[in-house]
Amino acid sequence: MTWTFTHDLAVFRAAAGRAVAAEPVSNTSLLTVLDALDRRGPGAYGAADPFFGWWTGADGDVAGALLCTPPHPLLIGALPEGAVCELGAALAAEPPLAGVERLNARRRDAGALAAAWGRPSEVTVETRLYRLAGLRAPDPVPAGRARTATEADLPLLLDWAGAFKREIGEPGAPSEASQRDRLSYGGVLLWEHAGRPVSMAGFFRAIGSVSRVGPVYTPPELRGRGYASGVTHAVSEAAYAAGASEVLLFTDLANPTSNGVYQRLGYAPVEDRVVVAAL
């Protein structure tokens, strides 16, 4: 039983790609990051080289994986118990893990990882993964309508994407390449009212028939009017229309308003994740 690490995406794909794809719900973030790296290259998330790891069990089968795209946290997928314990030990000393400052893991795994890490740490972000169990229309339906964003909307999308990143404390500037990629498959919707955009939501390409909604953003001065409900309902329908049979999204557990909105639209909790940061 062992962890193996590499900076070579092709090597990782060959060794762990099938295992990651076998759990498309729990590994949704891993899958969308890997898709972006495939499409836009190793610099898709920053100048530093990404690295990857996979866990091989006693039976010789790969049963878990992780990746890191600095400066973002180490992103850890669904793991068996033995892999969690061994990873915690590797975090303390084994390159390239030794320089990691933040971990993004399932809540059920994070405590053991933090304890084995051997560094003072704290939970800085708590999120919940939801699965759409049955889409319901907003009640009441907000004023306005949804439309698919176009190239002409790119400056607005970059502005709002940057505001969203700052609000959630995510490092780095929004990627124009990422926004253009989403526009190429109709992956961003805007909610318009009185002739102007008031909210946006995006969705990722379906991978293994699973798509994920995000981000959803409404400028602060326009909140409380139901626009986020309207655009989330519309983007969920768009994800289905684009070929997804499962639609997911993440919420920040510190925001009870958004969690309530998504549950009223038909999203049901799956599991919680946390970001753990070294002090």
C-alpha atoms as a PDB file:
ATOM      1  CA  MET A   1       0.000   0.000   0.000  1.00  0.00           C
ATOM      2  CA  THR A   2       1.591   3.260  -1.092  1.00  0.00           C
ATOM      3  CA  TRP A   3       1.216   6.804  -2.396  1.00  0.00           C
ATOM      4  CA  THR A   4       2.928   7.734  -5.671  1.00  0.00           C
ATOM      5  CA  PHE A   5       3.483  11.360  -6.759  1.00  0.00           C
ATOM      6  CA  THR A   6       4.290  12.925 -10.113  1.00  0.00           C
ATOM      7  CA  HIS A   7       4.281  16.232 -11.994  1.00  0.00           C
ATOM      8  CA  ASP A   8       3.359  14.398 -15.211  1.00  0.00           C
ATOM      9  CA  LEU A   9      -0.353  14.595 -15.988  1.00  0.00           C
ATOM     10  CA  ALA A  10      -0.163  11.827 -18.592  1.00  0.00           C
ATOM     11  CA  VAL A  11       1.444   9.441 -16.086  1.00  0.00           C
ATOM     12  CA  PHE A  12      -1.243  10.301 -13.535  1.00  0.00           C
ATOM     13  CA  ARG A  13      -4.016   9.820 -16.082  1.00  0.00           C
ATOM     14  CA  ALA A  14      -2.660   6.402 -17.038  1.00  0.00           C
ATOM     15  CA  ALA A  15      -2.339   5.250 -13.438  1.00  0.00           C
ATOM     16  CA  ALA A  16      -5.338   6.846 -11.704  1.00  0.00           C
ATOM     17  CA  GLY A  17      -7.705   8.222 -14.330  1.00  0.00           C
ATOM     18  CA  ARG A  18     -10.086   5.270 -14.243  1.00  0.00           C
ATOM     19  CA  ALA A  19     -10.244   5.227 -10.433  1.00  0.00           C
ATOM     20  CA  VAL A  20     -11.005   8.955 -10.258  1.00  0.00           C
ATOM     21  CA  ALA A  21     -13.716   8.675 -12.925  1.00  0.00           C
ATOM     22  CA  ALA A  22     -15.335   5.755 -11.070  1.00  0.00           C
ATOM     23  CA  GLU A  23     -16.540   8.164  -8.349  1.00  0.00           C
ATOM     24  CA  PRO A  24     -17.685  11.184 -10.369  1.00  0.00           C
ATOM     25  CA  VAL A  25     -19.748  12.760  -7.576  1.00  0.00           C
ATOM     26  CA  SER A  26     -17.216  12.756  -4.724  1.00  0.00           C
ATOM     27  CA  ASN A  27     -14.398  13.441  -7.202  1.00  0.00           C
ATOM     28  CA  THR A  28     -16.237  16.168  -9.141  1.00  0.00           C
ATOM     29  CA  SER A  29     -13.646  18.859  -8.366  1.00  0.00           C
ATOM     30  CA  LEU A  30     -10.745  16.595  -9.302  1.00  0.00           C
ATOM     31  CA  LEU A  31     -12.418  15.785 -12.600  1.00  0.00           C
ATOM     32  CA  THR A  32     -13.119  19.395 -13.573  1.00  0.00           C
ATOM     33  CA  VAL A  33      -9.576  20.497 -12.682  1.00  0.00           C
ATOM     34  CA  LEU A  34      -8.129  17.639 -14.717  1.00  0.00           C
ATOM     35  CA  ASP A  35     -10.367  18.593 -17.647  1.00  0.00           C
ATOM     36  CA  ALA A  36      -9.113  22.187 -17.481  1.00  0.00           C
ATOM     37  CA  LEU A  37      -5.484  21.031 -17.393  1.00  0.00           C
ATOM     38  CA  ASP A  38      -6.109  18.815 -20.413  1.00  0.00           C
ATOM     39  CA  ARG A  39      -7.712  21.668 -22.359  1.00  0.00           C
ATOM     40  CA  ARG A  40      -5.590  24.653 -21.288  1.00  0.00           C
ATOM     41  CA  GLY A  41      -2.299  23.115 -20.265  1.00  0.00           C
ATOM     42  CA  PRO A  42      -0.346  22.992 -16.980  1.00  0.00           C
ATOM     43  CA  GLY A  43      -0.603  26.771 -16.513  1.00  0.00           C
ATOM     44  CA  ALA A  44      -4.398  26.746 -16.387  1.00  0.00           C
ATOM     45  CA  TYR A  45      -4.439  27.664 -12.684  1.00  0.00           C
ATOM     46  CA  GLY A  46      -1.144  29.484 -12.241  1.00  0.00           C
ATOM     47  CA  ALA A  47       2.528  29.623 -13.114  1.00  0.00           C
ATOM     48  CA  ALA A  48       3.659  26.873 -10.724  1.00  0.00           C
ATOM     49  CA  ASP A  49       3.664  23.290 -11.986  1.00  0.00           C
ATOM     50  CA  PRO A  50       0.752  21.174 -10.748  1.00  0.00           C
ATOM     51  CA  PHE A  51       1.432  17.803  -9.175  1.00  0.00           C
ATOM     52  CA  PHE A  52      -0.614  14.657  -8.720  1.00  0.00           C
ATOM     53  CA  GLY A  53      -0.770  11.598  -6.499  1.00  0.00           C
ATOM     54  CA  TRP A  54      -2.541   8.267  -6.265  1.00  0.00           C
ATOM     55  CA  TRP A  55      -2.982   5.562  -3.668  1.00  0.00           C
ATOM     56  CA  THR A  56      -2.421   1.909  -4.526  1.00  0.00           C
ATOM     57  CA  GLY A  57      -4.026  -0.564  -2.141  1.00  0.00           C
ATOM     58  CA  ALA A  58      -2.813  -3.979  -1.015  1.00  0.00           C
ATOM     59  CA  ASP A  59      -4.646  -5.593  -3.943  1.00  0.00           C
ATOM     60  CA  GLY A  60      -2.649  -3.506  -6.431  1.00  0.00           C
ATOM     61  CA  ASP A  61      -5.642  -1.383  -7.462  1.00  0.00           C
ATOM     62  CA  VAL A  62      -5.665   2.408  -7.349  1.00  0.00           C
ATOM     63  CA  ALA A  63      -8.280   3.500  -4.806  1.00  0.00           C
ATOM     64  CA  GLY A  64      -7.763   7.243  -4.326  1.00  0.00           C
ATOM     65  CA  ALA A  65      -6.121  10.336  -5.777  1.00  0.00           C
ATOM     66  CA  LEU A  66      -5.176  13.972  -5.218  1.00  0.00           C
ATOM     67  CA  LEU A  67      -3.796  16.925  -7.119  1.00  0.00           C
ATOM     68  CA  CYS A  68      -2.469  20.396  -6.427  1.00  0.00           C
ATOM     69  CA  THR A  69      -2.489  23.468  -8.677  1.00  0.00           C
ATOM     70  CA  PRO A  70      -0.547  26.065  -6.649  1.00  0.00           C
ATOM     71  CA  PRO A  71      -1.491  28.491  -5.153  1.00  0.00           C
ATOM     72  CA  HIS A  72      -4.725  26.556  -4.581  1.00  0.00           C
ATOM     73  CA  PRO A  73      -5.056  24.016  -1.740  1.00  0.00           C
ATOM     74  CA  LEU A  74      -4.103  20.389  -2.131  1.00  0.00           C
ATOM     75  CA  LEU A  75      -7.315  18.850  -3.509  1.00  0.00           C
ATOM     76  CA  ILE A  76      -7.934  15.394  -2.082  1.00  0.00           C
ATOM     77  CA  GLY A  77     -10.529  13.086  -3.581  1.00  0.00           C
ATOM     78  CA  ALA A  78     -12.469  10.211  -2.049  1.00  0.00           C
ATOM     79  CA  LEU A  79     -10.040   8.002  -0.100  1.00  0.00           C
ATOM     80  CA  PRO A  80     -10.195   4.713   1.804  1.00  0.00           C
ATOM     81  CA  GLU A  81      -9.197   4.857   5.477  1.00  0.00           C
ATOM     82  CA  GLY A  82      -5.718   3.394   4.982  1.00  0.00           C
ATOM     83  CA  ALA A  83      -4.865   5.980   2.337  1.00  0.00           C
ATOM     84  CA  VAL A  84      -5.832   8.824   4.677  1.00  0.00           C
ATOM     85  CA  CYS A  85      -3.428   7.670   7.396  1.00  0.00           C
ATOM     86  CA  GLU A  86      -0.531   7.195   4.985  1.00  0.00           C
ATOM     87  CA  LEU A  87      -1.166  10.541   3.315  1.00  0.00           C
ATOM     88  CA  GLY A  88      -1.057  12.328   6.654  1.00  0.00           C
ATOM     89  CA  ALA A  89       2.407  10.929   7.276  1.00  0.00           C
ATOM     90  CA  ALA A  90       3.565  11.891   3.769  1.00  0.00           C
ATOM     91  CA  LEU A  91       2.377  15.472   4.245  1.00  0.00           C
ATOM     92  CA  ALA A  92       4.945  15.991   6.968  1.00  0.00           C
ATOM     93  CA  ALA A  93       8.018  15.180   4.951  1.00  0.00           C
ATOM     94  CA  GLU A  94       7.636  13.791   1.444  1.00  0.00           C
ATOM     95  CA  PRO A  95       8.169  16.061  -1.597  1.00  0.00           C
ATOM     96  CA  PRO A  96       6.203  17.575  -3.245  1.00  0.00           C
ATOM     97  CA  LEU A  97       3.779  17.509  -0.311  1.00  0.00           C
ATOM     98  CA  ALA A  98       6.172  19.023   2.234  1.00  0.00           C
ATOM     99  CA  GLY A  99       5.512  22.576   0.987  1.00  0.00           C
ATOM    100  CA  VAL A 100       1.715  22.346   1.101  1.00  0.00           C
ATOM    101  CA  GLU A 101       0.045  24.933   3.350  1.00  0.00           C
ATOM    102  CA  ARG A 102      -3.663  24.159   2.768  1.00  0.00           C
ATOM    103  CA  LEU A 103      -5.705  20.993   2.253  1.00  0.00           C
ATOM    104  CA  ASN A 104      -9.163  20.587   0.704  1.00  0.00           C
ATOM    105  CA  ALA A 105     -10.626  17.268   1.850  1.00  0.00           C
ATOM    106  CA  ARG A 106     -13.847  15.559   2.829  1.00  0.00           C
ATOM    107  CA  ARG A 107     -14.750  16.469   6.398  1.00  0.00           C
ATOM    108  CA  ARG A 108     -14.660  12.784   7.341  1.00  0.00           C
ATOM    109  CA  ASP A 109     -10.977  12.627   6.310  1.00  0.00           C
ATOM    110  CA  ALA A 110      -9.773  16.089   7.328  1.00  0.00           C
ATOM    111  CA  GLY A 111      -9.405  15.439  11.059  1.00  0.00           C
ATOM    112  CA  ALA A 112      -7.153  12.425  10.590  1.00  0.00           C
ATOM    113  CA  LEU A 113      -5.116  14.235   7.952  1.00  0.00           C
ATOM    114  CA  ALA A 114      -4.628  17.291  10.140  1.00  0.00           C
ATOM    115  CA  ALA A 115      -3.612  15.154  13.125  1.00  0.00           C
ATOM    116  CA  ALA A 116      -1.074  13.173  11.101  1.00  0.00           C
ATOM    117  CA  TRP A 117       0.191  16.358   9.425  1.00  0.00           C
ATOM    118  CA  GLY A 118       1.805  17.308  12.715  1.00  0.00           C
ATOM    119  CA  ARG A 119       1.341  21.050  12.160  1.00  0.00           C
ATOM    120  CA  PRO A 120      -0.914  23.471  14.028  1.00  0.00           C
ATOM    121  CA  SER A 121      -3.863  24.076  11.723  1.00  0.00           C
ATOM    122  CA  GLU A 122      -7.401  25.384  11.517  1.00  0.00           C
ATOM    123  CA  VAL A 123     -10.471  24.920   9.337  1.00  0.00           C
ATOM    124  CA  THR A 124     -10.852  28.063   7.220  1.00  0.00           C
ATOM    125  CA  VAL A 125     -13.654  27.084   4.796  1.00  0.00           C
ATOM    126  CA  GLU A 126     -16.568  24.653   5.124  1.00  0.00           C
ATOM    127  CA  THR A 127     -18.522  23.644   2.029  1.00  0.00           C
ATOM    128  CA  ARG A 128     -21.334  21.234   1.244  1.00  0.00           C
ATOM    129  CA  LEU A 129     -21.729  19.252  -1.954  1.00  0.00           C
ATOM    130  CA  TYR A 130     -25.315  19.001  -3.212  1.00  0.00           C
ATOM    131  CA  ARG A 131     -26.892  16.777  -5.866  1.00  0.00           C
ATOM    132  CA  LEU A 132     -29.992  17.864  -7.769  1.00  0.00           C
ATOM    133  CA  ALA A 133     -32.687  15.386  -6.738  1.00  0.00           C
ATOM    134  CA  GLY A 134     -35.559  16.969  -8.684  1.00  0.00           C
ATOM    135  CA  LEU A 135     -35.544  20.485 -10.084  1.00  0.00           C
ATOM    136  CA  ARG A 136     -38.229  22.824  -8.742  1.00  0.00           C
ATOM    137  CA  ALA A 137     -39.039  26.310 -10.023  1.00  0.00           C
ATOM    138  CA  PRO A 138     -38.333  29.323  -7.787  1.00  0.00           C
ATOM    139  CA  ASP A 139     -41.312  30.431  -5.725  1.00  0.00           C
ATOM    140  CA  PRO A 140     -41.928  33.247  -6.267  1.00  0.00           C
ATOM    141  CA  VAL A 141     -40.431  33.488  -9.742  1.00  0.00           C
ATOM    142  CA  PRO A 142     -38.144  36.538  -9.828  1.00  0.00           C
ATOM    143  CA  ALA A 143     -38.617  39.374 -12.268  1.00  0.00           C
ATOM    144  CA  GLY A 144     -36.601  39.019 -15.454  1.00  0.00           C
ATOM    145  CA  ARG A 145     -35.358  36.148 -17.583  1.00  0.00           C
ATOM    146  CA  ALA A 146     -32.247  34.090 -18.281  1.00  0.00           C
ATOM    147  CA  ARG A 147     -30.114  34.240 -21.397  1.00  0.00           C
ATOM    148  CA  THR A 148     -26.875  32.581 -22.470  1.00  0.00           C
ATOM    149  CA  ALA A 149     -23.838  34.818 -22.115  1.00  0.00           C
ATOM    150  CA  THR A 150     -21.928  35.765 -25.266  1.00  0.00           C
ATOM    151  CA  GLU A 151     -18.508  37.119 -26.173  1.00  0.00           C
ATOM    152  CA  ALA A 152     -19.836  40.663 -25.694  1.00  0.00           C
ATOM    153  CA  ASP A 153     -20.413  39.851 -22.012  1.00  0.00           C
ATOM    154  CA  LEU A 154     -16.790  38.829 -21.371  1.00  0.00           C
ATOM    155  CA  PRO A 155     -15.734  42.048 -19.548  1.00  0.00           C
ATOM    156  CA  LEU A 156     -18.723  41.729 -17.203  1.00  0.00           C
ATOM    157  CA  LEU A 157     -18.053  38.030 -16.596  1.00  0.00           C
ATOM    158  CA  LEU A 158     -14.424  38.734 -15.701  1.00  0.00           C
ATOM    159  CA  ASP A 159     -15.469  41.568 -13.380  1.00  0.00           C
ATOM    160  CA  TRP A 160     -18.050  39.434 -11.585  1.00  0.00           C
ATOM    161  CA  ALA A 161     -15.777  36.377 -11.483  1.00  0.00           C
ATOM    162  CA  GLY A 162     -13.114  38.512  -9.827  1.00  0.00           C
ATOM    163  CA  ALA A 163     -15.625  39.862  -7.302  1.00  0.00           C
ATOM    164  CA  PHE A 164     -16.760  36.312  -6.531  1.00  0.00           C
ATOM    165  CA  LYS A 165     -13.179  35.123  -5.972  1.00  0.00           C
ATOM    166  CA  ARG A 166     -12.450  38.042  -3.635  1.00  0.00           C
ATOM    167  CA  GLU A 167     -15.644  37.406  -1.695  1.00  0.00           C
ATOM    168  CA  ILE A 168     -14.789  33.766  -1.019  1.00  0.00           C
ATOM    169  CA  GLY A 169     -11.096  34.471  -0.430  1.00  0.00           C
ATOM    170  CA  GLU A 170      -9.840  32.501  -3.429  1.00  0.00           C
ATOM    171  CA  PRO A 171      -6.366  33.524  -4.635  1.00  0.00           C
ATOM    172  CA  GLY A 172      -5.519  34.728  -8.116  1.00  0.00           C
ATOM    173  CA  ALA A 173      -7.268  36.704 -10.817  1.00  0.00           C
ATOM    174  CA  PRO A 174     -10.112  35.295 -12.941  1.00  0.00           C
ATOM    175  CA  SER A 175      -8.947  33.483 -16.061  1.00  0.00           C
ATOM    176  CA  GLU A 176      -9.997  34.925 -19.402  1.00  0.00           C
ATOM    177  CA  ALA A 177      -9.146  31.585 -21.020  1.00  0.00           C
ATOM    178  CA  SER A 178     -11.503  29.819 -18.618  1.00  0.00           C
ATOM    179  CA  GLN A 179     -14.328  32.254 -19.350  1.00  0.00           C
ATOM    180  CA  ARG A 180     -13.820  31.932 -23.101  1.00  0.00           C
ATOM    181  CA  ASP A 181     -13.888  28.164 -22.775  1.00  0.00           C
ATOM    182  CA  ARG A 182     -17.218  28.337 -20.952  1.00  0.00           C
ATOM    183  CA  LEU A 183     -18.642  30.676 -23.552  1.00  0.00           C
ATOM    184  CA  SER A 184     -17.661  28.170 -26.238  1.00  0.00           C
ATOM    185  CA  TYR A 185     -20.221  25.629 -24.989  1.00  0.00           C
ATOM    186  CA  GLY A 186     -22.831  28.013 -23.570  1.00  0.00           C
ATOM    187  CA  GLY A 187     -21.646  27.395 -20.031  1.00  0.00           C
ATOM    188  CA  VAL A 188     -22.565  30.791 -18.520  1.00  0.00           C
ATOM    189  CA  LEU A 189     -26.065  32.196 -18.101  1.00  0.00           C
ATOM    190  CA  LEU A 190     -27.048  35.718 -17.102  1.00  0.00           C
ATOM    191  CA  TRP A 191     -30.288  36.747 -15.448  1.00  0.00           C
ATOM    192  CA  GLU A 192     -31.526  40.038 -16.871  1.00  0.00           C
ATOM    193  CA  HIS A 193     -34.060  42.460 -15.455  1.00  0.00           C
ATOM    194  CA  ALA A 194     -35.109  45.777 -16.963  1.00  0.00           C
ATOM    195  CA  GLY A 195     -32.621  45.282 -19.788  1.00  0.00           C
ATOM    196  CA  ARG A 196     -29.489  44.691 -17.733  1.00  0.00           C
ATOM    197  CA  PRO A 197     -27.681  41.670 -16.243  1.00  0.00           C
ATOM    198  CA  VAL A 198     -28.296  41.286 -12.505  1.00  0.00           C
ATOM    199  CA  SER A 199     -26.920  37.792 -11.729  1.00  0.00           C
ATOM    200  CA  MET A 200     -24.843  35.035 -13.321  1.00  0.00           C
ATOM    201  CA  ALA A 201     -24.296  31.302 -13.011  1.00  0.00           C
ATOM    202  CA  GLY A 202     -22.045  28.870 -14.831  1.00  0.00           C
ATOM    203  CA  PHE A 203     -21.810  25.134 -15.287  1.00  0.00           C
ATOM    204  CA  PHE A 204     -18.938  22.816 -16.125  1.00  0.00           C
ATOM    205  CA  ARG A 205     -18.910  20.417 -19.046  1.00  0.00           C
ATOM    206  CA  ALA A 206     -20.430  17.061 -18.181  1.00  0.00           C
ATOM    207  CA  ILE A 207     -17.762  14.509 -17.283  1.00  0.00           C
ATOM    208  CA  GLY A 208     -19.046  10.979 -16.940  1.00  0.00           C
ATOM    209  CA  SER A 209     -22.559  12.470 -17.328  1.00  0.00           C
ATOM    210  CA  VAL A 210     -21.993  14.640 -14.228  1.00  0.00           C
ATOM    211  CA  SER A 211     -21.962  18.435 -14.422  1.00  0.00           C
ATOM    212  CA  ARG A 212     -21.450  20.977 -11.633  1.00  0.00           C
ATOM    213  CA  VAL A 213     -23.006  24.406 -11.307  1.00  0.00           C
ATOM    214  CA  GLY A 214     -20.783  27.292 -10.241  1.00  0.00           C
ATOM    215  CA  PRO A 215     -20.054  29.990  -9.633  1.00  0.00           C
ATOM    216  CA  VAL A 216     -23.353  31.719  -8.858  1.00  0.00           C
ATOM    217  CA  TYR A 217     -22.911  35.442  -8.263  1.00  0.00           C
ATOM    218  CA  THR A 218     -25.158  38.439  -7.720  1.00  0.00           C
ATOM    219  CA  PRO A 219     -23.650  41.863  -6.913  1.00  0.00           C
ATOM    220  CA  PRO A 220     -24.330  42.763  -3.255  1.00  0.00           C
ATOM    221  CA  GLU A 221     -26.578  45.699  -4.088  1.00  0.00           C
ATOM    222  CA  LEU A 222     -28.877  43.419  -6.134  1.00  0.00           C
ATOM    223  CA  ARG A 223     -29.278  40.583  -3.653  1.00  0.00           C
ATOM    224  CA  GLY A 224     -32.485  39.610  -1.901  1.00  0.00           C
ATOM    225  CA  ARG A 225     -34.633  39.816  -5.044  1.00  0.00           C
ATOM    226  CA  GLY A 226     -34.550  36.163  -6.093  1.00  0.00           C
ATOM    227  CA  TYR A 227     -32.221  36.644  -9.056  1.00  0.00           C
ATOM    228  CA  ALA A 228     -29.830  33.908  -7.865  1.00  0.00           C
ATOM    229  CA  SER A 229     -32.743  31.465  -7.638  1.00  0.00           C
ATOM    230  CA  GLY A 230     -33.826  32.313 -11.160  1.00  0.00           C
ATOM    231  CA  VAL A 231     -30.400  31.970 -12.738  1.00  0.00           C
ATOM    232  CA  THR A 232     -29.561  28.783 -10.771  1.00  0.00           C
ATOM    233  CA  HIS A 233     -32.795  27.162 -11.928  1.00  0.00           C
ATOM    234  CA  ALA A 234     -32.009  28.156 -15.516  1.00  0.00           C
ATOM    235  CA  VAL A 235     -28.391  26.986 -15.415  1.00  0.00           C
ATOM    236  CA  SER A 236     -29.450  23.658 -13.897  1.00  0.00           C
ATOM    237  CA  GLU A 237     -31.801  23.125 -16.833  1.00  0.00           C
ATOM    238  CA  ALA A 238     -28.976  24.114 -19.208  1.00  0.00           C
ATOM    239  CA  ALA A 239     -26.633  21.539 -17.661  1.00  0.00           C
ATOM    240  CA  TYR A 240     -29.219  18.814 -18.243  1.00  0.00           C
ATOM    241  CA  ALA A 241     -29.785  20.025 -21.796  1.00  0.00           C
ATOM    242  CA  ALA A 242     -26.016  19.853 -22.416  1.00  0.00           C
ATOM    243  CA  GLY A 243     -25.982  16.140 -21.599  1.00  0.00           C
ATOM    244  CA  ALA A 244     -25.646  15.788 -17.831  1.00  0.00           C
ATOM    245  CA  SER A 245     -27.692  13.179 -16.017  1.00  0.00           C
ATOM    246  CA  GLU A 246     -26.402  14.345 -12.599  1.00  0.00           C
ATOM    247  CA  VAL A 247     -26.098  18.021 -11.622  1.00  0.00           C
ATOM    248  CA  LEU A 248     -24.098  19.074  -8.554  1.00  0.00           C
ATOM    249  CA  LEU A 249     -23.068  22.256  -6.792  1.00  0.00           C
ATOM    250  CA  PHE A 250     -21.033  23.363  -3.787  1.00  0.00           C
ATOM    251  CA  THR A 251     -22.171  25.892  -1.207  1.00  0.00           C
ATOM    252  CA  ASP A 252     -20.349  27.762   1.536  1.00  0.00           C
ATOM    253  CA  LEU A 253     -21.823  26.573   4.838  1.00  0.00           C
ATOM    254  CA  ALA A 254     -21.199  30.045   6.249  1.00  0.00           C
ATOM    255  CA  ASN A 255     -23.946  31.322   3.923  1.00  0.00           C
ATOM    256  CA  PRO A 256     -27.292  29.909   5.127  1.00  0.00           C
ATOM    257  CA  THR A 257     -29.190  31.994   2.565  1.00  0.00           C
ATOM    258  CA  SER A 258     -27.624  30.289  -0.452  1.00  0.00           C
ATOM    259  CA  ASN A 259     -27.966  26.845   1.142  1.00  0.00           C
ATOM    260  CA  GLY A 260     -31.664  27.494   1.620  1.00  0.00           C
ATOM    261  CA  VAL A 261     -32.069  28.725  -1.966  1.00  0.00           C
ATOM    262  CA  TYR A 262     -30.513  25.604  -3.458  1.00  0.00           C
ATOM    263  CA  GLN A 263     -32.478  23.211  -1.278  1.00  0.00           C
ATOM    264  CA  ARG A 264     -35.742  24.909  -2.281  1.00  0.00           C
ATOM    265  CA  LEU A 265     -34.758  24.372  -5.920  1.00  0.00           C
ATOM    266  CA  GLY A 266     -34.394  20.632  -5.274  1.00  0.00           C
ATOM    267  CA  TYR A 267     -30.727  20.166  -4.351  1.00  0.00           C
ATOM    268  CA  ALA A 268     -30.031  17.574  -1.625  1.00  0.00           C
ATOM    269  CA  PRO A 269     -26.869  17.310   0.532  1.00  0.00           C
ATOM    270  CA  VAL A 270     -24.261  14.677  -0.372  1.00  0.00           C
ATOM    271  CA  GLU A 271     -21.174  15.366   1.760  1.00  0.00           C
ATOM    272  CA  ASP A 272     -19.197  18.146   3.404  1.00  0.00           C
ATOM    273  CA  ARG A 273     -15.685  19.299   2.611  1.00  0.00           C
ATOM    274  CA  VAL A 274     -13.338  21.602   4.494  1.00  0.00           C
ATOM    275  CA  VAL A 275     -10.194  23.565   3.779  1.00  0.00           C
ATOM    276  CA  VAL A 276      -7.584  23.127   6.505  1.00  0.00           C
ATOM    277  CA  ALA A 277      -4.763  25.696   6.674  1.00  0.00           C
ATOM    278  CA  ALA A 278      -1.459  25.466   8.504  1.00  0.00           C
ATOM    279  CA  LEU A 279      -0.977  28.199  11.083  1.00  0.00           C
END
